[in-house]
């Protein structure tokens, strides 16, 4: 783990959240213990929020093959010293060692090999239910943005989840809204390996974008196709892509490298 980078991310991020009196900081998980804490948070959030079927693991950690190849960002509440949010990052080099990007298990990514520039995938993103406010999520995204710039990543890709506890009603409503404003297949076409069944929407359904998906869109991300149903996690995953040059100016002006 690159400790210099960890300090670089923390110092720049702290400057960005002065309005929260530096209550939250973002850093790279630099030890096995911190990674395990992040995995326990994932287990808790995915089970309680989405009803994910993660099995009855004695250590209550969400973990998979890709964790070994990823770097893991965590957000810490300085008042409680609690890890309250996490995401993992897998760049092109590490993806080759891992056998591909995680997203490729859910989508056929047409155009991926033609992209010019460094790619990083984020995944397993989650926030503790008590902290799903703008400040915590903004702190997490500030770390992602800083890493994109400091590592010179040209593209950020990944999956954003929509809960399916209502049978898919909200997913279809959200997708209707996303198609109107955020759909782009110019660079990638993501074809789901397990598409959602069609559903007729009642006229009075209001689309409620999940906080993390909303944050992606505010950053400047686009969706690249229809969602994939993930029955294990009980979610519909939407493939998102963010080109660094299209990062929202609200974030980009704070997180330029250098």
Protein backbone atom coordinates (compact mmCIF):
# COMPACT_ATOMS: atom_id res chain seq x y z
CA UNK A 1 0.00 0.00 0.00
CA UNK A 2 1.24 3.44 -0.94
CA UNK A 3 1.23 5.32 2.38
CA UNK A 4 2.27 8.60 0.73
CA UNK A 5 -0.85 8.45 -1.42
CA UNK A 6 -2.98 7.71 1.62
CA UNK A 7 -1.76 10.87 3.33
CA UNK A 8 -2.20 12.83 0.09
CA UNK A 9 -5.82 11.73 -0.22
CA UNK A 10 -6.57 12.51 3.42
CA UNK A 11 -5.04 15.98 3.43
CA UNK A 12 -6.76 17.14 0.27
CA UNK A 13 -10.08 15.65 1.31
CA UNK A 14 -10.01 17.27 4.74
CA UNK A 15 -9.73 20.67 3.05
CA UNK A 16 -12.89 19.90 1.08
CA UNK A 17 -15.10 19.21 4.08
CA UNK A 18 -14.27 22.09 6.39
CA UNK A 19 -18.00 22.86 6.63
CA UNK A 20 -18.39 19.60 8.56
CA UNK A 21 -15.61 20.67 10.97
CA UNK A 22 -13.54 17.82 9.60
CA UNK A 23 -15.81 15.25 11.18
CA UNK A 24 -15.31 12.86 8.24
CA UNK A 25 -12.06 11.86 6.53
CA UNK A 26 -11.41 9.46 3.69
CA UNK A 27 -8.38 7.18 3.50
CA UNK A 28 -7.11 3.95 2.00
CA UNK A 29 -7.53 0.86 4.17
CA UNK A 30 -3.88 0.18 4.96
CA UNK A 31 -4.24 -2.91 7.14
CA UNK A 32 -5.98 -6.26 7.21
CA UNK A 33 -8.02 -5.10 10.20
CA UNK A 34 -9.37 -2.04 8.37
CA UNK A 35 -10.25 -4.15 5.31
CA UNK A 36 -12.13 -6.61 7.50
CA UNK A 37 -14.01 -3.75 9.14
CA UNK A 38 -15.02 -2.47 5.70
CA UNK A 39 -16.17 -5.96 4.72
CA UNK A 40 -18.28 -6.17 7.87
CA UNK A 41 -19.89 -2.84 7.02
CA UNK A 42 -20.67 -4.16 3.54
CA UNK A 43 -22.23 -7.30 5.00
CA UNK A 44 -24.40 -5.27 7.36
CA UNK A 45 -25.56 -2.74 4.77
CA UNK A 46 -26.24 -5.19 1.96
CA UNK A 47 -28.25 -7.49 4.20
CA UNK A 48 -30.22 -4.81 6.02
CA UNK A 49 -30.76 -2.41 3.11
CA UNK A 50 -31.33 -4.82 0.23
CA UNK A 51 -32.02 -8.15 1.90
CA UNK A 52 -28.98 -9.69 0.21
CA UNK A 53 -28.55 -13.45 0.65
CA UNK A 54 -24.91 -13.55 1.77
CA UNK A 55 -25.17 -16.79 3.71
CA UNK A 56 -24.60 -17.29 7.41
CA UNK A 57 -20.93 -16.45 7.75
CA UNK A 58 -19.56 -16.62 11.27
CA UNK A 59 -17.41 -13.51 10.77
CA UNK A 60 -20.24 -11.60 9.01
CA UNK A 61 -18.03 -10.22 6.25
CA UNK A 62 -18.91 -9.63 2.61
CA UNK A 63 -15.86 -10.77 0.65
CA UNK A 64 -15.08 -12.14 -2.78
CA UNK A 65 -12.23 -12.92 -5.19
CA UNK A 66 -11.86 -9.30 -6.31
CA UNK A 67 -11.12 -7.92 -2.84
CA UNK A 68 -7.58 -9.27 -3.03
CA UNK A 69 -6.84 -7.19 -6.14
CA UNK A 70 -8.56 -3.96 -5.09
CA UNK A 71 -7.64 -0.93 -3.07
CA UNK A 72 -10.28 -0.03 -0.51
CA UNK A 73 -11.34 3.51 0.38
CA UNK A 74 -13.00 4.07 3.74
CA UNK A 75 -14.67 7.07 5.37
CA UNK A 76 -14.15 7.50 9.10
CA UNK A 77 -16.21 9.51 11.57
CA UNK A 78 -13.60 11.27 13.70
CA UNK A 79 -16.05 11.77 16.55
CA UNK A 80 -16.65 8.02 17.00
CA UNK A 81 -13.67 6.55 15.10
CA UNK A 82 -16.22 4.40 13.24
CA UNK A 83 -15.87 3.30 9.60
CA UNK A 84 -19.09 4.57 8.03
CA UNK A 85 -18.61 4.17 4.27
CA UNK A 86 -16.46 2.23 1.88
CA UNK A 87 -15.82 1.47 -1.77
CA UNK A 88 -13.17 -0.53 -3.58
CA UNK A 89 -11.12 0.37 -6.64
CA UNK A 90 -9.81 -1.97 -9.33
CA UNK A 91 -7.66 -0.49 -12.08
CA UNK A 92 -6.88 -1.95 -15.50
CA UNK A 93 -3.61 -3.56 -14.43
CA UNK A 94 -5.13 -5.23 -11.37
CA UNK A 95 -8.19 -6.29 -13.40
CA UNK A 96 -5.97 -8.26 -15.75
CA UNK A 97 -4.57 -10.15 -12.75
CA UNK A 98 -8.10 -10.68 -11.37
CA UNK A 99 -9.41 -12.06 -14.64
CA UNK A 100 -11.35 -8.96 -15.64
CA UNK A 101 -13.50 -6.26 -14.07
CA UNK A 102 -16.30 -7.26 -11.72
CA UNK A 103 -18.79 -5.46 -13.99
CA UNK A 104 -17.98 -7.90 -16.78
CA UNK A 105 -19.62 -10.67 -14.74
CA UNK A 106 -22.92 -8.76 -15.02
CA UNK A 107 -22.60 -7.01 -18.37
CA UNK A 108 -21.21 -7.56 -21.82
CA UNK A 109 -19.23 -4.34 -22.18
CA UNK A 110 -19.09 -3.56 -25.87
CA UNK A 111 -16.35 -1.01 -26.57
CA UNK A 112 -14.34 -1.60 -23.37
CA UNK A 113 -11.21 -2.70 -25.23
CA UNK A 114 -11.36 0.36 -27.48
CA UNK A 115 -11.19 2.89 -24.66
CA UNK A 116 -8.00 4.93 -24.69
CA UNK A 117 -6.69 5.79 -21.25
CA UNK A 118 -6.46 4.32 -17.78
CA UNK A 119 -9.63 2.79 -16.32
CA UNK A 120 -10.62 2.29 -12.69
CA UNK A 121 -13.68 0.40 -11.51
CA UNK A 122 -15.40 1.11 -8.21
CA UNK A 123 -17.66 -1.38 -6.53
CA UNK A 124 -19.23 -2.67 -3.32
CA UNK A 125 -19.93 0.96 -2.42
CA UNK A 126 -21.98 1.35 0.73
CA UNK A 127 -22.74 3.87 3.46
CA UNK A 128 -23.92 3.15 7.01
CA UNK A 129 -27.69 3.88 7.24
CA UNK A 130 -27.16 6.55 9.90
CA UNK A 131 -24.81 8.55 7.66
CA UNK A 132 -26.55 8.76 4.30
CA UNK A 133 -26.29 12.52 4.25
CA UNK A 134 -24.60 14.73 1.71
CA UNK A 135 -21.52 15.26 3.87
CA UNK A 136 -20.54 11.60 4.21
CA UNK A 137 -21.17 10.74 0.58
CA UNK A 138 -19.36 13.89 -0.59
CA UNK A 139 -16.35 12.90 1.49
CA UNK A 140 -16.28 9.47 -0.14
CA UNK A 141 -16.57 10.94 -3.63
CA UNK A 142 -13.85 13.46 -2.86
CA UNK A 143 -11.46 10.58 -2.25
CA UNK A 144 -12.53 8.90 -5.49
CA UNK A 145 -12.08 12.13 -7.45
CA UNK A 146 -8.66 12.74 -5.93
CA UNK A 147 -7.53 9.24 -6.83
CA UNK A 148 -8.79 9.67 -10.39
CA UNK A 149 -6.64 12.76 -10.73
CA UNK A 150 -3.56 11.65 -8.81
CA UNK A 151 -3.47 8.30 -10.66
CA UNK A 152 -4.42 9.89 -13.98
CA UNK A 153 -7.41 7.61 -14.52
CA UNK A 154 -9.35 8.63 -17.63
CA UNK A 155 -12.48 6.62 -16.94
CA UNK A 156 -14.35 5.51 -13.84
CA UNK A 157 -16.74 2.59 -14.31
CA UNK A 158 -18.84 0.48 -11.99
CA UNK A 159 -22.28 -0.71 -10.93
CA UNK A 160 -24.83 1.33 -8.99
CA UNK A 161 -27.55 -0.65 -7.24
CA UNK A 162 -31.30 -0.12 -6.98
CA UNK A 163 -33.16 -2.22 -4.41
CA UNK A 164 -35.66 -4.81 -5.65
CA UNK A 165 -37.64 -5.37 -2.45
CA UNK A 166 -40.78 -4.02 -4.20
CA UNK A 167 -40.42 -6.48 -7.06
CA UNK A 168 -38.78 -3.96 -9.39
CA UNK A 169 -41.32 -1.13 -9.43
CA UNK A 170 -38.85 1.53 -8.30
CA UNK A 171 -36.13 0.16 -10.57
CA UNK A 172 -38.34 0.61 -13.63
CA UNK A 173 -39.39 4.08 -12.47
CA UNK A 174 -35.78 5.11 -11.85
CA UNK A 175 -34.69 3.72 -15.21
CA UNK A 176 -37.38 5.71 -16.97
CA UNK A 177 -35.93 8.87 -15.42
CA UNK A 178 -32.32 7.87 -16.12
CA UNK A 179 -33.01 7.13 -19.80
CA UNK A 180 -34.39 10.63 -20.25
CA UNK A 181 -31.42 12.47 -18.76
CA UNK A 182 -28.35 10.26 -18.29
CA UNK A 183 -28.23 7.51 -20.91
CA UNK A 184 -25.20 7.46 -23.22
CA UNK A 185 -23.84 4.58 -25.30
CA UNK A 186 -21.26 6.74 -27.09
CA UNK A 187 -18.26 5.13 -25.38
CA UNK A 188 -19.61 1.86 -23.99
CA UNK A 189 -22.70 -0.26 -24.51
CA UNK A 190 -23.48 -2.33 -21.41
CA UNK A 191 -25.71 -5.31 -22.21
CA UNK A 192 -27.01 -7.04 -19.05
CA UNK A 193 -26.41 -10.78 -18.79
CA UNK A 194 -29.61 -11.12 -16.73
CA UNK A 195 -32.05 -8.40 -17.85
CA UNK A 196 -35.01 -7.32 -15.76
CA UNK A 197 -38.43 -8.60 -16.81
CA UNK A 198 -40.64 -5.94 -18.41
CA UNK A 199 -43.15 -4.23 -16.13
CA UNK A 200 -45.94 -1.76 -16.80
CA UNK A 201 -45.64 1.25 -14.51
CA UNK A 202 -48.67 2.84 -12.84
CA UNK A 203 -49.06 6.50 -13.74
CA UNK A 204 -48.64 7.69 -10.12
CA UNK A 205 -45.23 6.10 -9.42
CA UNK A 206 -42.51 8.61 -8.48
CA UNK A 207 -38.89 7.68 -9.12
CA UNK A 208 -36.67 7.95 -6.04
CA UNK A 209 -33.00 7.78 -7.00
CA UNK A 210 -30.93 5.99 -4.31
CA UNK A 211 -28.46 8.41 -2.66
CA UNK A 212 -25.36 6.77 -4.16
CA UNK A 213 -26.80 6.65 -7.66
CA UNK A 214 -27.84 10.28 -7.33
CA UNK A 215 -24.29 11.15 -6.30
CA UNK A 216 -22.88 9.45 -9.41
CA UNK A 217 -25.13 11.53 -11.62
CA UNK A 218 -24.16 14.74 -9.84
CA UNK A 219 -20.51 13.91 -10.42
CA UNK A 220 -21.21 13.81 -14.16
CA UNK A 221 -21.59 10.07 -14.74
CA UNK A 222 -23.77 8.47 -17.43
CA UNK A 223 -25.47 5.11 -17.57
CA UNK A 224 -24.51 2.93 -20.52
CA UNK A 225 -27.50 0.63 -20.90
CA UNK A 226 -30.25 -1.31 -19.18
CA UNK A 227 -29.86 -2.76 -15.66
CA UNK A 228 -28.79 -6.28 -14.69
CA UNK A 229 -30.72 -8.22 -12.05
CA UNK A 230 -28.54 -9.55 -9.24
CA UNK A 231 -30.71 -12.04 -7.33
CA UNK A 232 -28.04 -12.73 -4.65
CA UNK A 233 -27.93 -9.09 -3.57
CA UNK A 234 -31.62 -8.54 -4.44
CA UNK A 235 -30.79 -5.46 -6.52
CA UNK A 236 -30.81 -4.20 -10.07
CA UNK A 237 -27.34 -2.97 -11.05
CA UNK A 238 -26.95 -0.08 -13.45
CA UNK A 239 -23.61 0.23 -15.26
CA UNK A 240 -22.23 3.75 -14.90
CA UNK A 241 -19.31 5.48 -16.55
CA UNK A 242 -17.61 8.77 -15.73
CA UNK A 243 -15.03 10.36 -18.01
CA UNK A 244 -12.59 12.41 -15.96
CA UNK A 245 -12.83 15.33 -18.37
CA UNK A 246 -16.59 15.40 -17.75
CA UNK A 247 -16.30 15.43 -13.96
CA UNK A 248 -18.72 18.02 -12.64
CA UNK A 249 -16.90 21.38 -12.16
CA UNK A 250 -18.27 21.52 -8.62
CA UNK A 251 -15.97 18.58 -7.78
CA UNK A 252 -13.23 19.01 -10.37
CA UNK A 253 -12.12 22.45 -9.18
CA UNK A 254 -11.41 21.06 -5.72
CA UNK A 255 -9.68 17.86 -6.75
CA UNK A 256 -7.23 18.68 -9.52
CA UNK A 257 -3.94 16.89 -9.11
CA UNK A 258 -0.87 18.85 -8.20
